């Protein structure tokens, strides 16, 4: 019996899922290795926080620029070059001789990964049917959270096997395999792919042929005005995300005096809740859209529910020291926070169309800024107070702020449609 060949669009989505997983493994591996690095180099928590923030500086700078590059030159070449950079930087981390070289390597990882999610969104714009955008964004980000979940035990195992330096070299080599597979299989225009079927093309936007194959000029001012509220809301999410990504293993290690392996397992348990949240957030958002036809209900309302639920579930962290209750509280809060991912990453596609890469970069600038500020703030707070629970208080404030500001986003107003109507009025 001959096995059925998977649809080309499914393979592309699978490659993007793999990329999201791998980028997060290479992004957060330093959190699990932090104790060994800190011990070898004699770093304070503030210095460690500064090192962990290194990724965020170029990650912030390359969001909008990287999204624009993806819109202009296509996701195939852009992600290939990005992959080469972040894989090489991860390998070089294993050869770092001190704090300065480690910082520079983490900067380079941020350069390579800065454009990845906005450009992946641009790839989805052409390869994903309109009614499956939430699902596509949800499932890819679920794999990102799966990367969060599997990284602590994998890195802990690799450290035991080949030390922390060998763990970075091994993971960087694995990233190179994805880079080769992406370049060989993906095509910017689905209609150019040799394996795609007519049935698949008919389901895609513009039947797999972009509205124009010319390089579009981005209307920066108008697009920025539309995306500012989305960016601010995503910053609120990013603050909590980076608390989890950068300090959770250390939290279990220091607050409960567990060894690296147990801390890694507890961290993974929390992150697995995020995997479920990412998938359900995108799936439920699309189902609401199918039933109601309302992008406000499908996107904005889901974001508000996610923020509010995360706020409520995070409160018990300050009311108990029982480890099981803490894990359940952190896991539930992370689940609700991740419900917002599918809807949020669908919004740039809903609003910006052929400029979705640039718009996604604008939105993710919010999270990238949080990636810089939050680790430094957490390290400083812990060094100043010795209280490992206090950094969670900031997350409560930003979760509440995100809930309040979410109604300012308007995914139901397509940006390109507004521009075209204005142009028609001028011509008329």
Protein backbone atom coordinates (compact mmCIF):
# COMPACT_ATOMS: atom_id res chain seq x y z
CA UNK A 1 0.00 0.00 0.00
CA UNK A 2 1.44 3.36 -1.05
CA UNK A 3 1.66 6.01 1.62
CA UNK A 4 -0.09 9.28 0.82
CA UNK A 5 2.30 12.17 0.20
CA UNK A 6 1.67 15.00 2.69
CA UNK A 7 0.28 18.21 1.24
CA UNK A 8 2.91 20.81 0.42
CA UNK A 9 1.20 23.38 2.66
CA UNK A 10 1.31 20.90 5.55
CA UNK A 11 5.04 20.31 5.02
CA UNK A 12 5.65 24.08 4.98
CA UNK A 13 3.69 24.45 8.22
CA UNK A 14 5.69 21.56 9.67
CA UNK A 15 8.95 23.27 8.74
CA UNK A 16 7.78 26.48 10.39
CA UNK A 17 6.77 24.54 13.52
CA UNK A 18 10.25 23.02 13.63
CA UNK A 19 11.80 26.47 13.25
CA UNK A 20 9.78 27.91 16.12
CA UNK A 21 10.83 25.00 18.34
CA UNK A 22 14.52 25.23 17.40
CA UNK A 23 14.74 29.01 17.77
CA UNK A 24 13.34 28.82 21.28
CA UNK A 25 15.70 26.00 22.22
CA UNK A 26 18.63 28.17 21.11
CA UNK A 27 17.06 31.21 22.75
CA UNK A 28 16.44 29.86 26.26
CA UNK A 29 19.20 27.24 26.57
CA UNK A 30 21.28 29.80 28.44
CA UNK A 31 18.67 29.92 31.23
CA UNK A 32 19.21 26.24 32.08
CA UNK A 33 22.99 26.57 31.72
CA UNK A 34 22.99 29.79 33.79
CA UNK A 35 24.13 28.17 37.03
CA UNK A 36 27.16 26.53 35.44
CA UNK A 37 28.04 29.69 33.51
CA UNK A 38 27.58 31.85 36.60
CA UNK A 39 29.77 29.54 38.67
CA UNK A 40 32.56 29.35 36.07
CA UNK A 41 32.66 33.09 35.41
CA UNK A 42 31.81 34.31 38.92
CA UNK A 43 28.80 36.42 37.88
CA UNK A 44 26.30 38.18 40.13
CA UNK A 45 22.58 37.90 39.40
CA UNK A 46 22.63 41.41 37.96
CA UNK A 47 25.49 40.47 35.61
CA UNK A 48 23.68 37.28 34.68
CA UNK A 49 20.54 39.26 33.94
CA UNK A 50 22.58 41.61 31.75
CA UNK A 51 24.02 38.60 29.89
CA UNK A 52 20.54 37.15 29.37
CA UNK A 53 19.31 40.50 28.08
CA UNK A 54 22.00 40.54 25.35
CA UNK A 55 19.75 38.55 23.04
CA UNK A 56 17.10 41.25 23.25
CA UNK A 57 19.03 44.24 21.88
CA UNK A 58 19.47 43.06 18.27
CA UNK A 59 16.22 41.12 18.54
CA UNK A 60 14.50 44.45 19.10
CA UNK A 61 16.36 46.24 16.30
CA UNK A 62 15.76 43.52 13.72
CA UNK A 63 12.02 43.09 14.26
CA UNK A 64 10.77 45.80 11.92
CA UNK A 65 13.81 45.77 9.65
CA UNK A 66 13.72 41.98 9.41
CA UNK A 67 9.99 41.96 8.66
CA UNK A 68 10.58 44.54 5.92
CA UNK A 69 13.39 42.41 4.46
CA UNK A 70 11.06 39.41 4.44
CA UNK A 71 8.36 41.42 2.66
CA UNK A 72 10.86 42.77 0.14
CA UNK A 73 13.08 39.78 -0.61
CA UNK A 74 10.92 36.84 0.39
CA UNK A 75 10.87 34.43 3.35
CA UNK A 76 12.97 31.73 1.65
CA UNK A 77 16.23 33.65 1.40
CA UNK A 78 15.64 35.70 4.54
CA UNK A 79 15.05 32.74 6.88
CA UNK A 80 17.93 30.81 5.29
CA UNK A 81 20.36 33.62 6.10
CA UNK A 82 18.86 34.16 9.55
CA UNK A 83 19.23 30.46 10.31
CA UNK A 84 22.88 30.42 9.35
CA UNK A 85 23.55 33.32 11.72
CA UNK A 86 21.75 32.00 14.81
CA UNK A 87 23.11 28.45 14.33
CA UNK A 88 26.69 29.73 14.00
CA UNK A 89 26.24 32.00 17.03
CA UNK A 90 24.96 29.11 19.14
CA UNK A 91 27.97 27.00 18.20
CA UNK A 92 30.36 29.88 18.94
CA UNK A 93 28.79 30.29 22.40
CA UNK A 94 30.38 26.98 23.32
CA UNK A 95 33.81 28.42 22.54
CA UNK A 96 33.34 31.66 24.52
CA UNK A 97 36.17 32.48 26.88
CA UNK A 98 34.52 35.03 29.15
CA UNK A 99 31.63 37.38 29.84
CA UNK A 100 32.39 39.70 26.92
CA UNK A 101 32.58 36.96 24.29
CA UNK A 102 29.48 35.28 25.72
CA UNK A 103 27.64 38.60 25.51
CA UNK A 104 28.71 39.06 21.89
CA UNK A 105 27.57 35.54 20.96
CA UNK A 106 24.18 36.15 22.54
CA UNK A 107 23.96 39.41 20.60
CA UNK A 108 24.58 37.42 17.41
CA UNK A 109 21.84 34.92 18.32
CA UNK A 110 19.50 37.92 18.62
CA UNK A 111 20.60 39.15 15.18
CA UNK A 112 19.82 35.78 13.62
CA UNK A 113 16.49 35.29 15.35
CA UNK A 114 15.31 38.89 15.18
CA UNK A 115 13.55 38.54 11.86
CA UNK A 116 12.37 34.94 12.17
CA UNK A 117 8.82 35.30 13.50
CA UNK A 118 7.83 38.34 11.41
CA UNK A 119 9.21 36.64 8.27
CA UNK A 120 7.49 33.37 9.19
CA UNK A 121 4.25 35.36 9.43
CA UNK A 122 4.91 36.64 5.92
CA UNK A 123 5.38 33.04 4.75
CA UNK A 124 2.06 32.07 6.35
CA UNK A 125 0.34 34.98 4.61
CA UNK A 126 0.70 33.20 1.26
CA UNK A 127 0.57 29.59 2.46
CA UNK A 128 -2.38 29.69 4.90
CA UNK A 129 -6.13 29.97 4.11
CA UNK A 130 -7.81 33.00 5.69
CA UNK A 131 -9.87 30.93 8.13
CA UNK A 132 -6.82 29.00 9.41
CA UNK A 133 -4.56 31.87 10.37
CA UNK A 134 -5.26 31.53 14.09
CA UNK A 135 -4.59 27.80 13.93
CA UNK A 136 -1.32 28.29 12.02
CA UNK A 137 -0.08 30.91 14.46
CA UNK A 138 -1.26 28.90 17.44
CA UNK A 139 0.35 25.62 16.39
CA UNK A 140 3.68 27.20 15.44
CA UNK A 141 3.87 29.05 18.75
CA UNK A 142 2.81 25.85 20.53
CA UNK A 143 6.00 24.35 19.13
CA UNK A 144 7.87 27.39 20.44
CA UNK A 145 6.51 26.61 23.92
CA UNK A 146 7.35 22.95 23.37
CA UNK A 147 10.88 24.21 22.81
CA UNK A 148 10.63 25.99 26.18
CA UNK A 149 9.40 22.78 27.79
CA UNK A 150 11.97 20.36 26.37
CA UNK A 151 14.99 22.66 26.59
CA UNK A 152 15.60 22.46 30.37
CA UNK A 153 15.81 18.62 30.56
CA UNK A 154 17.67 18.37 27.24
CA UNK A 155 20.24 21.00 28.20
CA UNK A 156 20.58 19.53 31.69
CA UNK A 157 21.25 16.11 30.11
CA UNK A 158 23.74 17.57 27.62
CA UNK A 159 25.53 19.46 30.39
CA UNK A 160 25.91 16.22 32.32
CA UNK A 161 27.20 14.54 29.15
CA UNK A 162 29.40 17.16 27.47
CA UNK A 163 29.38 20.16 29.88
CA UNK A 164 27.62 23.46 29.17
CA UNK A 165 29.93 24.38 26.30
CA UNK A 166 29.29 21.11 24.48
CA UNK A 167 25.53 21.59 24.87
CA UNK A 168 25.63 24.83 22.85
CA UNK A 169 27.78 23.29 20.12
CA UNK A 170 25.43 20.31 19.80
CA UNK A 171 22.28 22.44 19.62
CA UNK A 172 23.84 24.79 17.05
CA UNK A 173 24.66 21.86 14.76
CA UNK A 174 21.06 20.66 15.00
CA UNK A 175 19.88 24.11 13.89
CA UNK A 176 21.95 23.85 10.71
CA UNK A 177 19.95 20.79 9.63
CA UNK A 178 16.74 22.85 9.63
CA UNK A 179 18.41 25.64 7.64
CA UNK A 180 19.28 23.24 4.81
CA UNK A 181 15.81 21.62 4.79
CA UNK A 182 14.07 25.02 4.63
CA UNK A 183 16.08 26.29 1.69
CA UNK A 184 15.63 23.08 -0.30
CA UNK A 185 11.86 22.78 0.18
CA UNK A 186 10.24 26.19 0.61
CA UNK A 187 9.13 28.55 -2.17
CA UNK A 188 7.97 32.13 -1.63
CA UNK A 189 5.07 31.67 -4.05
CA UNK A 190 3.02 28.51 -3.46
CA UNK A 191 2.14 28.39 -7.14
CA UNK A 192 5.84 27.86 -7.92
CA UNK A 193 6.13 24.77 -5.71
CA UNK A 194 6.37 21.53 -7.71
CA UNK A 195 4.49 19.47 -5.11
CA UNK A 196 1.45 21.70 -4.57
CA UNK A 197 -1.94 20.60 -5.90
CA UNK A 198 -4.67 22.63 -7.58
CA UNK A 199 -6.97 21.90 -4.64
CA UNK A 200 -4.45 23.43 -2.23
CA UNK A 201 -3.95 26.48 -4.44
CA UNK A 202 -7.68 27.12 -4.65
CA UNK A 203 -7.88 27.32 -0.85
CA UNK A 204 -5.01 29.79 -0.50
CA UNK A 205 -5.23 33.60 -0.69
CA UNK A 206 -5.15 34.72 -4.34
CA UNK A 207 -4.85 31.02 -5.28
CA UNK A 208 -1.25 30.94 -4.17
CA UNK A 209 -0.18 33.82 -6.41
CA UNK A 210 0.64 37.04 -4.50
CA UNK A 211 -1.22 40.17 -5.55
CA UNK A 212 2.03 41.44 -6.96
CA UNK A 213 5.47 39.97 -7.38
CA UNK A 214 7.03 43.40 -7.34
CA UNK A 215 8.68 44.61 -4.16
CA UNK A 216 6.06 46.69 -2.27
CA UNK A 217 6.83 50.08 -0.76
CA UNK A 218 5.72 50.18 2.86
CA UNK A 219 3.50 53.14 3.91
CA UNK A 220 5.42 53.48 7.17
CA UNK A 221 3.53 56.29 8.89
CA UNK A 222 0.04 54.92 8.31
CA UNK A 223 1.03 51.35 9.18
CA UNK A 224 2.82 52.46 12.35
CA UNK A 225 -0.28 54.30 13.58
CA UNK A 226 -2.37 51.16 13.11
CA UNK A 227 0.13 48.89 14.86
CA UNK A 228 1.08 51.02 17.90
CA UNK A 229 -1.78 49.73 20.11
CA UNK A 230 -0.99 46.15 19.08
CA UNK A 231 2.69 46.67 19.94
CA UNK A 232 1.91 48.06 23.39
CA UNK A 233 -0.42 45.17 24.20
CA UNK A 234 2.21 42.70 23.06
CA UNK A 235 4.80 44.38 25.29
CA UNK A 236 2.50 43.61 28.24
CA UNK A 237 2.49 39.96 27.22
CA UNK A 238 6.25 39.94 26.58
CA UNK A 239 7.09 41.13 30.08
CA UNK A 240 5.50 38.02 31.60
CA UNK A 241 6.91 35.74 28.88
CA UNK A 242 10.49 36.81 29.52
CA UNK A 243 10.04 36.40 33.26
CA UNK A 244 9.25 32.75 32.57
CA UNK A 245 11.94 32.27 29.93
CA UNK A 246 14.89 33.81 31.74
CA UNK A 247 14.32 33.25 35.45
CA UNK A 248 12.01 30.28 36.01
CA UNK A 249 14.77 27.61 36.23
CA UNK A 250 16.74 29.83 38.62
CA UNK A 251 13.57 30.49 40.65
CA UNK A 252 13.09 26.80 41.42
CA UNK A 253 16.82 26.36 41.93
CA UNK A 254 17.21 29.15 44.49
CA UNK A 255 13.78 29.49 46.11
CA UNK A 256 13.40 25.76 46.75
CA UNK A 257 17.06 24.66 46.69
CA UNK A 258 16.47 21.95 44.11
CA UNK A 259 19.25 20.59 41.91
CA UNK A 260 19.47 21.39 38.19
CA UNK A 261 17.62 18.25 37.04
CA UNK A 262 14.61 18.80 39.34
CA UNK A 263 14.48 22.50 38.53
CA UNK A 264 14.50 21.64 34.83
CA UNK A 265 11.60 19.20 35.28
CA UNK A 266 9.48 21.72 37.21
CA UNK A 267 10.20 24.37 34.59
CA UNK A 268 9.19 21.97 31.82
CA UNK A 269 5.91 21.18 33.59
CA UNK A 270 5.02 24.88 33.60
CA UNK A 271 5.99 25.34 29.94
CA UNK A 272 3.90 22.37 28.80
CA UNK A 273 0.84 24.30 29.97
CA UNK A 274 1.88 26.98 27.49
CA UNK A 275 1.99 24.43 24.66
CA UNK A 276 -1.69 23.65 25.26
CA UNK A 277 -2.55 27.34 25.59
CA UNK A 278 -0.92 28.25 22.28
CA UNK A 279 -2.73 25.53 20.37
CA UNK A 280 -6.14 26.19 21.93
CA UNK A 281 -5.84 29.95 21.58
CA UNK A 282 -5.38 29.73 17.82
CA UNK A 283 -7.96 26.97 17.34
CA UNK A 284 -10.66 28.66 19.43
CA UNK A 285 -9.97 32.02 17.76
CA UNK A 286 -10.58 30.51 14.31
CA UNK A 287 -13.73 28.73 15.46
CA UNK A 288 -15.13 31.95 16.87
CA UNK A 289 -14.33 33.64 13.56
CA UNK A 290 -16.11 30.89 11.60
CA UNK A 291 -19.20 31.09 13.81
CA UNK A 292 -19.51 34.86 14.24
CA UNK A 293 -17.57 36.36 11.34
CA UNK A 294 -16.29 38.91 13.88
CA UNK A 295 -12.55 39.53 14.07
CA UNK A 296 -13.13 41.57 17.21
CA UNK A 297 -14.64 38.57 18.98
CA UNK A 298 -12.10 36.13 17.57
CA UNK A 299 -8.98 38.20 18.20
CA UNK A 300 -9.54 41.02 20.71
CA UNK A 301 -11.87 39.16 23.08
CA UNK A 302 -9.57 36.13 23.17
CA UNK A 303 -6.66 38.39 24.10
CA UNK A 304 -8.64 39.98 26.94
CA UNK A 305 -9.68 36.58 28.30
CA UNK A 306 -6.07 35.39 28.19
CA UNK A 307 -4.67 38.42 30.03
CA UNK A 308 -7.40 38.42 32.69
CA UNK A 309 -7.12 34.68 33.29
CA UNK A 310 -3.34 34.88 33.63
CA UNK A 311 -3.67 37.72 36.15
CA UNK A 312 -6.05 35.73 38.35
CA UNK A 313 -3.96 32.55 38.22
CA UNK A 314 -0.70 34.34 39.06
CA UNK A 315 -2.01 35.84 42.32
CA UNK A 316 -1.58 32.61 44.40
CA UNK A 317 2.20 32.79 43.84
CA UNK A 318 2.22 35.50 46.53
CA UNK A 319 -0.10 33.62 48.91
CA UNK A 320 1.64 30.28 49.36
CA UNK A 321 5.05 28.62 49.50
CA UNK A 322 3.71 25.15 48.76
CA UNK A 323 5.64 23.88 45.72
CA UNK A 324 2.75 22.00 44.12
CA UNK A 325 0.43 24.99 44.39
CA UNK A 326 3.15 27.25 43.00
CA UNK A 327 3.66 24.98 39.98
CA UNK A 328 -0.09 24.81 39.36
CA UNK A 329 -0.43 28.57 39.71
CA UNK A 330 2.49 29.33 37.37
CA UNK A 331 1.31 26.71 34.87
CA UNK A 332 -2.27 28.02 34.81
CA UNK A 333 -1.07 31.63 34.49
CA UNK A 334 1.21 30.66 31.61
CA UNK A 335 -1.62 28.71 29.93
CA UNK A 336 -3.88 31.76 29.90
CA UNK A 337 -1.05 34.08 28.82
CA UNK A 338 -0.36 31.81 25.86
CA UNK A 339 -4.02 31.86 24.78
CA UNK A 340 -3.31 35.31 23.37
CA UNK A 341 -0.59 34.16 20.95
CA UNK A 342 -2.70 32.78 18.10
CA UNK A 343 -5.05 35.79 18.05
CA UNK A 344 -2.23 38.33 18.48
CA UNK A 345 -0.06 36.97 15.66
CA UNK A 346 -3.10 36.74 13.38
CA UNK A 347 -3.77 40.45 13.81
CA UNK A 348 -0.83 41.63 11.61
CA UNK A 349 -2.11 39.36 8.83
CA UNK A 350 -5.71 40.55 9.37
CA UNK A 351 -4.65 44.19 9.24
CA UNK A 352 -1.67 44.49 6.91
CA UNK A 353 -1.95 41.92 4.10
CA UNK A 354 1.16 42.06 1.91
CA UNK A 355 2.85 44.17 4.59
CA UNK A 356 2.21 41.52 7.27
CA UNK A 357 5.92 40.82 7.76
CA UNK A 358 6.63 44.46 8.57
CA UNK A 359 3.49 44.71 10.72
CA UNK A 360 4.41 41.56 12.64
CA UNK A 361 7.87 43.02 13.22
CA UNK A 362 6.29 46.17 14.63
CA UNK A 363 4.14 44.10 16.98
CA UNK A 364 6.97 41.84 18.13
CA UNK A 365 9.09 44.90 18.87
CA UNK A 366 7.01 45.12 22.04
CA UNK A 367 8.09 41.67 23.20
CA UNK A 368 11.67 42.33 22.10
CA UNK A 369 11.79 45.47 24.25
CA UNK A 370 10.50 43.43 27.18
CA UNK A 371 13.27 40.90 26.47
CA UNK A 372 15.81 43.64 27.19
CA UNK A 373 14.21 45.35 30.17
CA UNK A 374 12.70 42.48 32.12
CA UNK A 375 15.77 40.25 32.71
CA UNK A 376 17.80 43.23 33.93
CA UNK A 377 14.94 44.35 36.18
CA UNK A 378 14.51 40.85 37.60
CA UNK A 379 18.21 40.42 38.33
CA UNK A 380 18.42 43.83 40.00
CA UNK A 381 15.31 43.20 42.14
CA UNK A 382 16.62 39.82 43.31
CA UNK A 383 20.09 41.17 44.12
CA UNK A 384 18.57 44.14 45.98
CA UNK A 385 15.89 42.29 47.95
CA UNK A 386 16.77 38.59 47.89
CA UNK A 387 13.07 37.99 47.13
CA UNK A 388 12.55 35.60 44.19
CA UNK A 389 8.78 36.14 44.16
CA UNK A 390 8.83 39.93 43.87
CA UNK A 391 9.51 40.04 40.07
CA UNK A 392 6.12 38.38 39.53
CA UNK A 393 4.44 41.53 40.88
CA UNK A 394 5.45 43.45 37.75
CA UNK A 395 3.78 40.81 35.61
CA UNK A 396 0.51 41.31 37.45
CA UNK A 397 0.57 45.00 36.57
CA UNK A 398 1.30 44.43 32.89
CA UNK A 399 -1.29 41.67 32.57
CA UNK A 400 -3.91 44.06 33.93
CA UNK A 401 -2.72 46.82 31.60
CA UNK A 402 -2.91 44.49 28.59
CA UNK A 403 -6.50 43.61 29.45
CA UNK A 404 -7.46 47.29 29.58
CA UNK A 405 -5.65 48.28 26.35
CA UNK A 406 -6.71 45.33 24.16
CA UNK A 407 -9.92 47.06 22.91
CA UNK A 408 -7.71 49.67 21.19
CA UNK A 409 -6.67 47.03 18.64
CA UNK A 410 -8.88 46.83 15.56
CA UNK A 411 -8.23 43.71 13.46
CA UNK A 412 -11.62 44.17 11.80
CA UNK A 413 -10.29 47.23 9.93
CA UNK A 414 -7.99 46.00 7.14
CA UNK A 415 -5.17 48.46 6.63
CA UNK A 416 -4.92 47.96 2.88
CA UNK A 417 -8.66 48.51 2.50
CA UNK A 418 -8.46 51.83 4.34
CA UNK A 419 -5.54 52.93 2.16
CA UNK A 420 -7.36 51.94 -1.02
CA UNK A 421 -10.56 53.77 0.03
CA UNK A 422 -8.54 56.92 0.78
CA UNK A 423 -6.85 56.65 -2.59
CA UNK A 424 -10.24 56.28 -4.31
CA UNK A 425 -11.51 59.44 -2.59
CA UNK A 426 -8.43 61.37 -3.70
CA UNK A 427 -8.78 60.14 -7.29
CA UNK A 428 -12.49 60.85 -7.28
